[in-house]
N, C-alpha and C. Protein backbone atom coordinates (compact mmCIF):
# COMPACT_ATOMS: atom_id res chain seq x y z
N UNK A 1 1.18 -1.00 0.12
CA UNK A 1 -0.25 -0.15 -0.30
C UNK A 1 0.91 1.26 0.27
N UNK A 2 0.60 2.08 -0.94
CA UNK A 2 1.19 3.51 -0.73
C UNK A 2 0.41 4.18 0.16
N UNK A 3 2.22 5.55 0.36
CA UNK A 3 2.00 5.96 1.33
C UNK A 3 2.09 7.40 1.33
N UNK A 4 2.12 8.16 1.72
CA UNK A 4 2.39 9.86 1.80
C UNK A 4 3.27 10.47 2.87
N UNK A 5 3.57 9.76 3.72
CA UNK A 5 4.15 9.77 5.15
C UNK A 5 5.76 10.32 4.18
N UNK A 6 6.05 11.19 4.97
CA UNK A 6 7.62 11.57 4.33
C UNK A 6 8.76 10.53 4.90
N UNK A 7 9.35 10.11 5.13
CA UNK A 7 10.91 9.49 5.05
C UNK A 7 11.55 10.29 5.31
N UNK A 8 12.36 10.58 7.07
CA UNK A 8 13.04 11.79 7.42
C UNK A 8 14.38 10.46 7.00
N UNK A 9 15.55 11.52 6.36
CA UNK A 9 16.65 11.35 6.11
C UNK A 9 17.62 12.07 6.70
N UNK A 10 17.26 12.92 7.77
CA UNK A 10 18.27 13.70 8.80
C UNK A 10 18.13 14.30 10.16
N UNK A 11 19.18 14.40 10.56
CA UNK A 11 19.38 14.11 12.05
C UNK A 11 18.01 14.41 13.09
N UNK A 12 17.44 15.03 12.41
CA UNK A 12 16.15 15.46 13.41
C UNK A 12 15.05 16.33 12.68
N UNK A 13 13.53 16.28 12.84
CA UNK A 13 13.50 15.58 13.31
C UNK A 13 13.23 14.17 12.93
N UNK A 14 13.24 12.97 13.85
CA UNK A 14 13.28 11.29 13.10
C UNK A 14 11.78 10.66 12.60
N UNK A 15 11.90 10.12 12.26
CA UNK A 15 10.18 9.50 12.07
C UNK A 15 9.51 8.55 13.52
N UNK A 16 9.04 9.09 13.79
CA UNK A 16 8.23 8.42 15.34
C UNK A 16 7.26 7.66 14.82
N UNK A 17 7.93 6.26 15.97
CA UNK A 17 7.12 5.11 15.74
C UNK A 17 6.30 5.34 15.91
N UNK A 18 5.20 4.33 15.44
CA UNK A 18 3.73 4.43 15.47
C UNK A 18 3.26 4.29 16.68
N UNK A 19 3.88 3.44 17.96
CA UNK A 19 3.27 3.43 19.28
C UNK A 19 3.65 4.98 20.38
N UNK A 20 4.11 5.40 19.78
CA UNK A 20 4.76 7.22 20.22
C UNK A 20 3.31 7.68 19.23
N UNK A 21 3.49 7.91 18.30
CA UNK A 21 1.94 8.61 17.33
C UNK A 21 0.71 8.07 18.61
N UNK A 22 0.93 7.18 18.93
CA UNK A 22 -0.82 6.38 19.51
C UNK A 22 -0.51 7.05 20.97
N UNK A 23 0.74 6.94 21.51
CA UNK A 23 0.60 7.03 22.89
C UNK A 23 -0.25 8.83 22.39
N UNK A 24 0.45 10.01 22.08
CA UNK A 24 -0.06 11.04 21.61
C UNK A 24 -1.09 11.44 21.20
N UNK A 25 -2.13 10.05 21.07
CA UNK A 25 -3.56 10.80 20.85
C UNK A 25 -4.32 9.96 21.87
N UNK A 26 -3.70 9.87 22.90
CA UNK A 26 -5.00 9.54 24.12
C UNK A 26 -5.47 11.28 25.12
N UNK A 27 -6.46 11.14 25.41
CA UNK A 27 -7.17 12.08 26.21
C UNK A 27 -6.21 13.05 26.48
N UNK A 28 -5.81 14.49 26.90
CA UNK A 28 -5.36 14.92 27.63
C UNK A 28 -5.27 14.30 29.18
N UNK A 29 -4.10 14.40 30.31
CA UNK A 29 -4.70 14.83 31.66
C UNK A 29 -4.47 15.97 32.23
N UNK A 30 -4.76 15.68 33.66
CA UNK A 30 -3.96 17.43 34.26
C UNK A 30 -2.77 16.74 34.58
N UNK A 31 -1.91 18.09 34.33
CA UNK A 31 -0.74 18.17 34.92
C UNK A 31 -0.56 18.19 36.16
N UNK A 32 -1.55 18.09 36.84
CA UNK A 32 -1.31 18.68 38.17
C UNK A 32 -1.50 16.94 39.24
N UNK A 33 -1.86 16.42 38.05
CA UNK A 33 -2.46 15.34 39.04
C UNK A 33 -1.09 14.12 39.14
N UNK A 34 -1.81 13.05 39.83
CA UNK A 34 -1.10 11.61 40.03
C UNK A 34 -0.97 10.76 39.39
N UNK A 35 -1.34 10.56 37.76
CA UNK A 35 -1.12 9.98 36.79
C UNK A 35 0.13 10.68 36.53
N UNK A 36 -0.32 12.08 35.76
CA UNK A 36 0.72 12.63 34.96
C UNK A 36 2.27 12.53 35.73
N UNK A 37 2.16 12.56 37.35
CA UNK A 37 3.45 12.92 38.38
C UNK A 37 4.18 11.43 38.13
N UNK A 38 3.15 10.23 37.86
CA UNK A 38 3.61 8.69 37.26
C UNK A 38 4.32 8.85 36.00
N UNK A 39 4.00 9.56 35.27
CA UNK A 39 4.47 9.38 33.61
C UNK A 39 5.11 9.95 34.15
N UNK A 40 5.82 11.50 34.32
CA UNK A 40 7.05 11.95 34.58
C UNK A 40 8.17 11.75 35.59
N UNK A 41 7.86 10.82 36.66
CA UNK A 41 9.45 9.40 37.17
C UNK A 41 9.87 8.50 36.15
N UNK A 42 8.26 8.39 35.34
CA UNK A 42 8.84 7.69 34.02
C UNK A 42 9.74 8.27 33.51
N UNK A 43 9.61 8.41 32.51
CA UNK A 43 10.24 9.53 32.08
C UNK A 43 11.09 10.18 32.66
N UNK A 44 11.47 10.10 33.39
CA UNK A 44 13.60 10.87 33.83
C UNK A 44 13.98 9.73 34.72
N UNK A 45 13.53 8.13 34.97
CA UNK A 45 13.78 7.37 35.22
C UNK A 45 14.69 6.44 34.20
N UNK A 46 13.51 6.88 32.91
CA UNK A 46 14.05 6.44 32.03
C UNK A 46 15.23 6.59 31.12
N UNK A 47 15.06 8.03 31.28
CA UNK A 47 16.40 8.78 30.56
C UNK A 47 18.09 8.38 31.61
N UNK A 48 17.78 8.11 32.83
CA UNK A 48 19.02 8.32 33.43
C UNK A 48 19.84 6.50 32.75
N UNK A 49 19.33 6.00 32.26
CA UNK A 49 21.06 5.20 32.22
C UNK A 49 21.00 5.27 30.27
N UNK A 50 19.92 6.36 29.43
CA UNK A 50 20.93 7.06 28.39
C UNK A 50 21.81 8.07 28.57
N UNK A 51 22.00 8.53 29.32
CA UNK A 51 22.43 9.78 29.53
C UNK A 51 23.11 8.87 30.42
N UNK A 52 23.62 8.12 31.62
CA UNK A 52 24.86 7.51 32.08
C UNK A 52 25.12 8.19 33.02
N UNK A 53 23.38 8.40 34.46
CA UNK A 53 23.70 9.50 35.22
C UNK A 53 23.26 8.53 36.48
N UNK A 54 23.36 8.44 37.50
CA UNK A 54 22.08 8.43 38.49
C UNK A 54 21.52 10.45 39.24
N UNK A 55 22.24 10.79 38.14
CA UNK A 55 21.85 12.06 38.87
C UNK A 55 20.59 13.23 38.44
N UNK A 56 20.08 14.53 39.07
CA UNK A 56 18.97 15.07 38.50
C UNK A 56 18.43 15.04 37.63
N UNK A 57 17.40 14.78 36.48
CA UNK A 57 16.73 15.33 35.23
C UNK A 57 16.01 16.40 34.87
N UNK A 58 16.55 17.01 34.28
CA UNK A 58 14.97 18.34 34.22
C UNK A 58 14.21 18.49 33.09
N UNK A 59 13.13 17.80 32.60
CA UNK A 59 12.54 17.73 31.45
C UNK A 59 12.38 19.38 31.29
N UNK A 60 12.67 19.90 30.18
CA UNK A 60 11.85 21.06 29.35
C UNK A 60 11.20 21.71 28.65
N UNK A 61 9.87 21.70 28.35
CA UNK A 61 9.50 22.02 26.72
C UNK A 61 10.08 23.06 26.20
N UNK A 62 10.61 22.33 25.56
CA UNK A 62 11.44 23.25 24.79
C UNK A 62 12.37 22.53 23.64
N UNK A 63 13.36 23.34 22.46
CA UNK A 63 14.12 22.52 21.89
C UNK A 63 15.47 22.48 22.37
N UNK A 64 16.27 21.18 21.72
CA UNK A 64 17.63 21.37 22.12
C UNK A 64 17.97 22.75 22.64
N UNK A 65 18.30 23.80 21.79
CA UNK A 65 18.38 25.37 22.75
C UNK A 65 18.47 25.76 22.77
N UNK A 66 16.93 24.75 23.79
CA UNK A 66 16.25 26.00 24.67
C UNK A 66 16.79 24.79 25.98
N UNK A 67 17.66 23.83 25.60
CA UNK A 67 18.72 23.35 26.96
C UNK A 67 19.73 23.66 27.02
N UNK A 68 20.99 23.76 26.12
CA UNK A 68 21.76 24.50 25.75
C UNK A 68 21.34 25.94 26.43
N UNK A 69 21.11 26.79 26.04
CA UNK A 69 20.73 27.84 26.70
C UNK A 69 20.85 27.65 28.53
N UNK A 70 19.60 26.79 28.87
CA UNK A 70 19.38 26.78 30.38
C UNK A 70 20.82 26.11 30.93
N UNK A 71 21.47 25.09 30.27
CA UNK A 71 22.76 25.00 30.66
C UNK A 71 24.08 25.72 30.90
N UNK A 72 24.07 26.96 30.19
CA UNK A 72 24.32 28.15 30.70
C UNK A 72 23.82 29.20 31.28
N UNK A 73 22.76 29.20 31.20
CA UNK A 73 22.42 30.32 32.29
C UNK A 73 22.31 30.23 33.83
N UNK A 74 21.54 28.86 33.86
CA UNK A 74 21.73 28.64 35.10
C UNK A 74 22.97 28.26 36.19
N UNK A 75 24.30 27.96 35.10
CA UNK A 75 25.53 27.50 36.02
C UNK A 75 27.01 28.32 36.05
N UNK A 76 26.51 29.13 35.33
CA UNK A 76 27.59 30.53 35.02
C UNK A 76 26.88 31.80 35.06
N UNK A 77 28.45 32.51 35.26
CA UNK A 77 27.69 34.65 36.26
C UNK A 77 28.88 35.05 35.11
N UNK A 78 28.10 36.31 34.80
CA UNK A 78 28.97 36.90 34.11
C UNK A 78 30.31 37.31 34.07
N UNK A 79 30.88 37.08 34.93
CA UNK A 79 32.30 37.25 35.90
C UNK A 79 33.08 35.90 35.00
N UNK A 80 32.37 34.64 34.44
CA UNK A 80 32.91 33.15 34.56
C UNK A 80 33.19 33.44 33.20
N UNK A 81 34.91 32.91 32.94
CA UNK A 81 35.17 32.30 32.07
C UNK A 81 35.05 30.89 31.11
N UNK A 82 33.84 31.25 30.04
CA UNK A 82 34.24 29.67 29.65
C UNK A 82 34.42 29.31 28.65
N UNK A 83 35.27 28.69 28.27
CA UNK A 83 36.31 28.12 26.56
C UNK A 83 34.84 27.30 25.58
N UNK A 84 34.29 27.89 25.15
CA UNK A 84 33.84 27.69 23.89
C UNK A 84 34.98 26.64 23.21
N UNK A 85 34.33 25.11 22.87
CA UNK A 85 35.12 24.23 21.79
C UNK A 85 34.39 24.53 20.99
N UNK A 86 34.52 24.34 19.37
CA UNK A 86 33.84 24.91 18.42
C UNK A 86 35.08 24.75 17.04
N UNK A 87 33.94 22.98 17.07
CA UNK A 87 34.22 22.74 15.65
C UNK A 87 33.06 22.16 14.13
N UNK A 88 32.09 22.99 14.73
CA UNK A 88 30.86 22.55 14.17
C UNK A 88 29.95 23.86 14.59
N UNK A 89 28.86 23.95 13.64
CA UNK A 89 27.75 24.49 13.75
C UNK A 89 27.17 25.55 15.12
N UNK A 90 27.47 23.90 16.08
CA UNK A 90 26.36 23.92 17.42
C UNK A 90 27.43 24.00 18.38
N UNK A 91 28.77 23.77 17.70
CA UNK A 91 29.73 24.16 18.45
C UNK A 91 29.60 25.96 19.36
N UNK A 92 29.82 26.38 17.54
CA UNK A 92 29.40 28.55 17.73
C UNK A 92 28.06 28.79 18.03
N UNK A 93 26.89 27.42 18.11
CA UNK A 93 25.71 27.42 19.04
C UNK A 93 26.30 28.53 21.27
N UNK A 94 26.58 27.20 20.98
CA UNK A 94 26.99 27.36 22.41
C UNK A 94 28.10 28.60 23.09
N UNK A 95 28.60 29.13 22.17
CA UNK A 95 29.46 29.81 21.70
C UNK A 95 28.96 31.29 21.79
N UNK A 96 27.97 31.37 20.84
CA UNK A 96 26.95 32.89 20.81
C UNK A 96 25.63 33.07 21.87
N UNK A 97 25.64 31.56 22.71
CA UNK A 97 24.71 31.23 23.98
C UNK A 97 25.37 32.51 25.15
N UNK A 98 26.27 31.52 25.36
CA UNK A 98 27.91 32.30 26.32
C UNK A 98 27.53 33.46 26.16
N UNK A 99 28.09 34.29 25.16
CA UNK A 99 27.82 35.92 25.10
C UNK A 99 27.34 36.79 25.87
N UNK A 100 26.15 35.71 25.84
CA UNK A 100 24.66 36.31 26.93
C UNK A 100 25.04 36.57 28.49
N UNK A 101 25.80 35.35 28.63
CA UNK A 101 25.90 35.36 30.25
C UNK A 101 27.01 35.28 30.60
N UNK A 102 27.70 34.95 30.19
CA UNK A 102 29.23 35.29 30.85
C UNK A 102 30.46 36.17 30.01
N UNK A 103 31.73 35.17 30.63
CA UNK A 103 32.93 35.67 29.25
C UNK A 103 33.69 34.76 28.51
N UNK A 104 33.16 34.69 27.29
CA UNK A 104 33.40 33.59 26.46
C UNK A 104 35.16 33.69 26.14
N UNK A 105 35.72 32.51 25.68
CA UNK A 105 36.76 32.17 25.34
C UNK A 105 36.93 31.37 24.03
N UNK A 106 36.77 31.10 22.85
CA UNK A 106 37.02 31.00 21.64
C UNK A 106 37.83 29.89 21.93
N UNK A 107 38.03 28.57 21.33
CA UNK A 107 38.79 27.77 20.57
C UNK A 107 37.86 26.80 19.38
N UNK A 108 38.57 27.53 18.38
CA UNK A 108 38.44 26.63 17.20
C UNK A 108 39.14 25.81 16.32
N UNK A 109 38.61 25.16 15.68
CA UNK A 109 38.91 24.14 15.53
C UNK A 109 38.14 23.88 13.79
N UNK A 110 38.98 23.00 12.93
CA UNK A 110 38.20 22.91 11.61
C UNK A 110 37.00 22.16 11.74
N UNK A 111 36.08 22.90 10.41
CA UNK A 111 34.91 22.00 10.72
C UNK A 111 35.34 19.96 9.56
N UNK A 112 34.32 19.65 10.85
CA UNK A 112 34.50 18.23 10.06
C UNK A 112 36.10 17.94 10.70
N UNK A 113 36.65 18.52 11.61
CA UNK A 113 38.03 18.06 12.15
C UNK A 113 37.72 17.68 13.27
N UNK A 114 38.05 16.30 14.52
CA UNK A 114 37.87 16.37 15.73
C UNK A 114 38.71 16.72 16.10
N UNK A 115 38.30 17.06 17.87
CA UNK A 115 39.30 18.51 18.52
C UNK A 115 40.74 18.13 18.68
N UNK A 116 41.77 18.86 19.18
CA UNK A 116 42.88 18.49 19.59
C UNK A 116 43.26 18.66 20.77
N UNK A 117 43.30 17.86 22.01
CA UNK A 117 43.49 17.49 23.30
C UNK A 117 44.17 18.63 23.34
N UNK A 118 45.66 18.22 22.99
CA UNK A 118 46.46 19.41 23.50
C UNK A 118 46.46 20.59 23.28
N UNK A 119 45.86 20.93 22.40
CA UNK A 119 45.37 22.84 22.64
C UNK A 119 44.38 22.52 23.57
N UNK A 120 43.71 22.04 24.37
CA UNK A 120 42.39 22.24 25.34
C UNK A 120 43.42 22.34 25.88
N UNK A 121 44.45 21.60 26.31
CA UNK A 121 45.16 21.54 27.68
C UNK A 121 45.62 23.02 27.21
N UNK A 122 46.68 23.19 26.65
CA UNK A 122 47.40 24.83 26.40
C UNK A 122 46.10 26.26 26.63
N UNK A 123 44.71 25.78 26.78
CA UNK A 123 43.76 27.21 26.62
C UNK A 123 42.75 27.09 28.10
N UNK A 124 43.06 25.44 28.85
CA UNK A 124 42.40 25.62 30.14
C UNK A 124 42.65 26.71 31.59
N UNK A 125 43.19 27.34 31.18
CA UNK A 125 44.40 27.89 32.83
C UNK A 125 43.15 29.04 33.18
N UNK A 126 42.74 28.77 33.71
CA UNK A 126 41.55 30.41 34.00
C UNK A 126 40.66 29.93 33.80
N UNK A 127 40.05 29.15 33.18
CA UNK A 127 38.64 28.87 32.97
C UNK A 127 38.01 28.42 34.09
N UNK A 128 36.17 28.84 33.50
CA UNK A 128 35.40 28.56 35.10
C UNK A 128 34.75 27.05 34.58
N UNK A 129 34.53 27.56 33.25
CA UNK A 129 33.71 25.97 32.65
C UNK A 129 34.04 26.43 31.17
N UNK A 130 33.79 24.59 30.62
CA UNK A 130 34.05 24.83 29.10
C UNK A 130 32.29 23.96 28.75
N UNK A 131 32.68 24.36 27.05
CA UNK A 131 31.49 23.57 26.72
C UNK A 131 31.62 22.80 25.90
N UNK A 132 31.25 21.96 25.64
CA UNK A 132 31.56 21.06 24.28
C UNK A 132 30.22 20.14 23.69
N UNK A 133 29.63 19.98 22.12
CA UNK A 133 29.70 18.82 21.73
C UNK A 133 29.84 18.09 21.16
N UNK A 134 29.26 16.43 21.95
CA UNK A 134 29.76 15.23 21.89
C UNK A 134 29.50 15.08 20.17
N UNK A 135 28.42 14.99 19.91
CA UNK A 135 28.41 14.77 17.48
C UNK A 135 27.77 15.85 17.59
N UNK A 136 28.82 16.53 16.90
CA UNK A 136 28.94 17.81 16.19
C UNK A 136 27.95 17.02 14.77
N UNK A 137 26.45 17.60 15.28
CA UNK A 137 25.71 16.92 14.28
C UNK A 137 25.78 17.70 12.43
N UNK A 138 26.75 18.99 12.27
CA UNK A 138 26.48 19.64 11.22
C UNK A 138 27.57 18.80 10.18
N UNK A 139 28.63 17.94 10.83
CA UNK A 139 29.59 17.32 10.40
C UNK A 139 29.80 15.90 10.62
N UNK A 140 28.89 15.36 11.47
CA UNK A 140 29.01 14.14 12.24
C UNK A 140 30.19 13.48 12.71
N UNK A 141 30.93 14.53 13.33
CA UNK A 141 32.38 14.69 14.08
C UNK A 141 31.65 13.91 15.31
N UNK A 142 32.57 13.17 16.12
CA UNK A 142 31.91 12.52 17.56
C UNK A 142 33.58 13.01 18.34
N UNK A 143 33.54 14.08 19.29
CA UNK A 143 34.26 14.72 19.72
C UNK A 143 35.26 14.04 21.29
N UNK A 144 36.07 13.71 21.65
CA UNK A 144 36.43 12.91 22.80
C UNK A 144 36.09 13.69 23.55
N UNK A 145 34.81 13.79 24.12
CA UNK A 145 34.12 14.47 25.75
C UNK A 145 35.04 13.71 26.57
N UNK A 146 35.11 12.16 26.90
CA UNK A 146 35.52 11.66 27.92
C UNK A 146 36.77 12.50 28.46
N UNK A 147 38.64 12.92 27.42
CA UNK A 147 39.50 13.25 27.52
C UNK A 147 39.34 14.16 28.15
N UNK A 148 38.19 15.03 27.28
CA UNK A 148 38.49 16.39 27.16
C UNK A 148 37.83 17.07 28.75
N UNK A 149 36.87 15.87 28.89
CA UNK A 149 36.24 16.43 30.74
C UNK A 149 37.54 16.28 31.96
N UNK A 150 38.51 14.73 31.92
CA UNK A 150 39.31 14.87 32.75
C UNK A 150 39.84 16.39 32.87
N UNK A 151 40.87 16.66 31.75
CA UNK A 151 41.40 18.10 31.07
C UNK A 151 40.25 19.29 32.14
N UNK A 152 39.25 18.91 32.19
CA UNK A 152 38.92 20.20 32.54
C UNK A 152 38.22 19.95 34.16
N UNK A 153 38.24 18.65 34.55
CA UNK A 153 38.10 18.87 36.28
C UNK A 153 39.49 18.55 37.19
N UNK A 154 40.33 18.37 36.19
CA UNK A 154 42.11 18.71 36.50
C UNK A 154 42.11 20.08 36.73
N UNK A 155 41.19 20.96 36.26
CA UNK A 155 41.29 22.48 36.39
C UNK A 155 40.26 23.24 37.25
N UNK A 156 39.81 22.08 37.46
CA UNK A 156 38.33 22.43 38.36
C UNK A 156 37.21 23.64 37.44
N UNK A 157 37.66 22.98 36.66
CA UNK A 157 35.86 23.78 35.67
C UNK A 157 35.36 22.72 35.55
N UNK A 158 33.42 23.19 35.01
CA UNK A 158 32.56 22.63 34.89
C UNK A 158 32.90 22.24 33.45
N UNK A 159 31.78 21.19 33.37
CA UNK A 159 31.83 20.22 31.42
C UNK A 159 30.28 20.31 31.37
N UNK A 160 29.95 21.23 30.17
CA UNK A 160 28.73 21.34 29.94
C UNK A 160 28.59 20.65 28.07
N UNK A 161 27.87 19.92 28.29
CA UNK A 161 27.49 19.08 27.42
C UNK A 161 26.77 18.99 26.78
N UNK A 162 27.01 18.99 24.88
CA UNK A 162 25.36 19.29 23.95
C UNK A 162 25.57 17.57 23.25
N UNK A 163 24.32 17.06 24.45
CA UNK A 163 24.18 15.60 23.79
C UNK A 163 22.64 15.13 23.16
N UNK A 164 22.65 16.41 22.25
CA UNK A 164 21.08 16.42 22.05
C UNK A 164 21.08 15.44 20.47
N UNK A 165 21.92 15.00 19.61
CA UNK A 165 22.23 14.30 18.79
C UNK A 165 23.23 12.63 19.61
N UNK A 166 23.29 12.81 20.37
CA UNK A 166 24.18 11.48 21.24
C UNK A 166 23.35 10.63 21.87
N UNK A 167 22.62 11.05 23.23
CA UNK A 167 22.60 10.84 24.69
C UNK A 167 21.39 9.59 23.95
N UNK A 168 21.22 8.41 24.22
CA UNK A 168 19.97 7.58 23.40
C UNK A 168 20.40 6.78 22.12
N UNK A 169 21.59 7.01 21.11
CA UNK A 169 21.96 6.61 19.80
C UNK A 169 23.38 6.31 20.17
N UNK A 170 24.24 6.69 21.31
CA UNK A 170 26.15 6.98 20.95
C UNK A 170 25.88 6.46 22.83
N UNK A 171 27.17 6.27 23.08
CA UNK A 171 27.74 5.36 24.01
C UNK A 171 27.49 7.04 25.57
N UNK A 172 27.26 7.44 26.02
CA UNK A 172 27.47 8.02 27.10
C UNK A 172 27.21 7.90 28.91
N UNK A 173 28.99 7.68 29.28
CA UNK A 173 28.52 7.54 30.61
C UNK A 173 28.95 9.21 31.30
N UNK A 174 27.85 10.03 31.55
CA UNK A 174 28.02 10.99 32.19
C UNK A 174 29.00 10.84 33.50
N UNK A 175 28.49 10.39 34.31
CA UNK A 175 29.25 10.53 35.28
C UNK A 175 30.31 9.71 35.70
N UNK A 176 30.40 8.38 34.90
CA UNK A 176 31.91 8.11 35.05
C UNK A 176 33.01 8.83 34.50
N UNK A 177 32.59 9.61 33.24
CA UNK A 177 33.42 11.16 32.01
C UNK A 177 33.63 12.21 32.61
N UNK A 178 32.85 12.59 34.33
CA UNK A 178 32.99 14.02 34.90
C UNK A 178 32.31 14.65 33.73
N UNK A 179 30.78 14.50 33.47
CA UNK A 179 29.64 15.89 32.77
C UNK A 179 29.10 15.99 33.90
N UNK A 180 29.29 17.08 33.73
CA UNK A 180 28.40 18.20 35.24
C UNK A 180 27.23 18.63 34.68
N UNK A 181 26.98 19.09 33.20
CA UNK A 181 25.42 19.05 32.58
C UNK A 181 25.95 18.35 31.10
N UNK A 182 24.66 18.11 31.26
CA UNK A 182 24.44 17.28 29.45
C UNK A 182 22.89 17.53 28.88
N UNK A 183 22.67 17.78 27.90
CA UNK A 183 21.73 18.22 27.16
C UNK A 183 20.91 17.08 25.85
N UNK A 184 19.56 16.88 26.14
CA UNK A 184 19.34 15.52 25.32
C UNK A 184 17.91 16.67 24.10
N UNK A 185 17.66 16.25 22.77
CA UNK A 185 16.26 16.75 22.23
C UNK A 185 15.52 15.83 22.43
N UNK A 186 14.20 16.37 22.64
CA UNK A 186 13.14 15.14 22.41
C UNK A 186 13.20 13.98 20.27
N UNK A 187 13.63 15.09 19.74
CA UNK A 187 13.61 14.43 18.22
C UNK A 187 14.90 14.00 17.56
N UNK A 188 15.47 13.75 18.04
CA UNK A 188 16.86 12.99 17.81
C UNK A 188 16.65 11.31 18.00
N UNK A 189 17.94 11.18 18.59
CA UNK A 189 18.18 10.14 19.22
C UNK A 189 16.32 8.85 19.62
N UNK A 190 16.26 9.47 20.75
CA UNK A 190 15.31 9.12 21.60
C UNK A 190 13.66 8.75 20.63
N UNK A 191 13.66 9.44 19.23
CA UNK A 191 12.61 9.62 18.82
C UNK A 191 10.78 9.77 18.98
N UNK A 192 10.93 10.78 19.21
CA UNK A 192 10.26 12.06 19.51
C UNK A 192 9.83 13.41 19.03
N UNK A 193 8.13 13.21 18.93
CA UNK A 193 8.20 14.94 18.22
C UNK A 193 8.60 15.59 19.27
N UNK A 194 9.34 17.29 18.03
CA UNK A 194 10.43 18.08 19.02
C UNK A 194 9.14 18.76 19.79
N UNK A 195 9.56 19.75 20.71
CA UNK A 195 9.32 19.93 21.66
C UNK A 195 9.54 19.85 23.16
N UNK A 196 10.44 18.97 23.77
CA UNK A 196 11.15 18.50 24.90
C UNK A 196 13.13 18.79 24.51
N UNK A 197 12.89 18.85 25.77
CA UNK A 197 14.95 18.79 25.63
C UNK A 197 14.87 18.18 27.52
N UNK A 198 15.66 17.57 27.58
CA UNK A 198 16.34 17.76 29.35
C UNK A 198 17.92 17.61 29.19
N UNK A 199 18.31 18.39 30.49
CA UNK A 199 18.70 18.62 31.01
C UNK A 199 19.29 17.64 32.40
N UNK A 200 20.47 17.30 32.47
CA UNK A 200 21.20 16.32 33.35
C UNK A 200 22.05 16.89 34.01
N UNK A 201 22.08 16.34 35.36
CA UNK A 201 23.04 17.81 36.02
C UNK A 201 23.41 17.42 37.87
N UNK A 202 24.73 17.68 37.58
CA UNK A 202 25.61 16.81 38.27
C UNK A 202 25.46 17.56 39.80
N UNK A 203 26.28 16.97 41.06
CA UNK A 203 26.20 17.94 41.83
C UNK A 203 26.97 18.83 42.15
N UNK A 204 28.26 18.77 41.84
CA UNK A 204 28.97 19.59 41.41
C UNK A 204 28.06 21.24 40.43
N UNK A 205 27.54 20.89 39.59
CA UNK A 205 26.53 22.10 38.70
C UNK A 205 25.83 22.28 39.39
N UNK A 206 24.88 21.96 40.58
CA UNK A 206 24.43 21.84 41.81
C UNK A 206 25.08 23.16 42.50
N UNK A 207 26.13 22.89 43.16
CA UNK A 207 26.75 23.57 44.49
C UNK A 207 27.29 25.04 43.21
N UNK A 208 28.17 24.69 41.98
CA UNK A 208 28.08 26.37 41.00
C UNK A 208 26.60 26.98 41.01
N UNK A 209 25.39 26.23 40.91
CA UNK A 209 24.06 27.11 40.98
C UNK A 209 24.10 27.97 42.14
């Protein structure tokens, strides 16, 4: 049987599974009721293994970019120096967001190439936080987040990670790697419609907030 449904071959939104569409067709429920509370708990607990964390997860109404902004605006201050590691479009987005809330320090690499860890070590001195994109969607490069986080923690810097197109589709171990704040978007590897993001927050990040 022929269908007019689009076959999406883009990073997101991805094609939503029939069972997700079926769940969305259910009648609305009160968002302050017990049923919603149980659904929210189930969603939060279900996300934790995907982030590789036992820490807090906040589900927000908004896209991945909202999650990126929340991860900056809540955990750095105007006087903080933030090292923005950029090797693609979404690294650039972190840099643009940081300009509004803190003092950015740009560290650029060629698009399509991975990050040179030695250059990160050279630039990390005096930095309060770093931003890094795990999977740079614009080029498909998977960045060495684990190694970079190790350097950052050695210098006392928070690690803020865009995992929008990696959480749920790539191996992520937030707690083991030392990621302090990580973001995912609903319309990527999670296979849901756009409009939600989730931000995972470590105890270190809460202390900073």
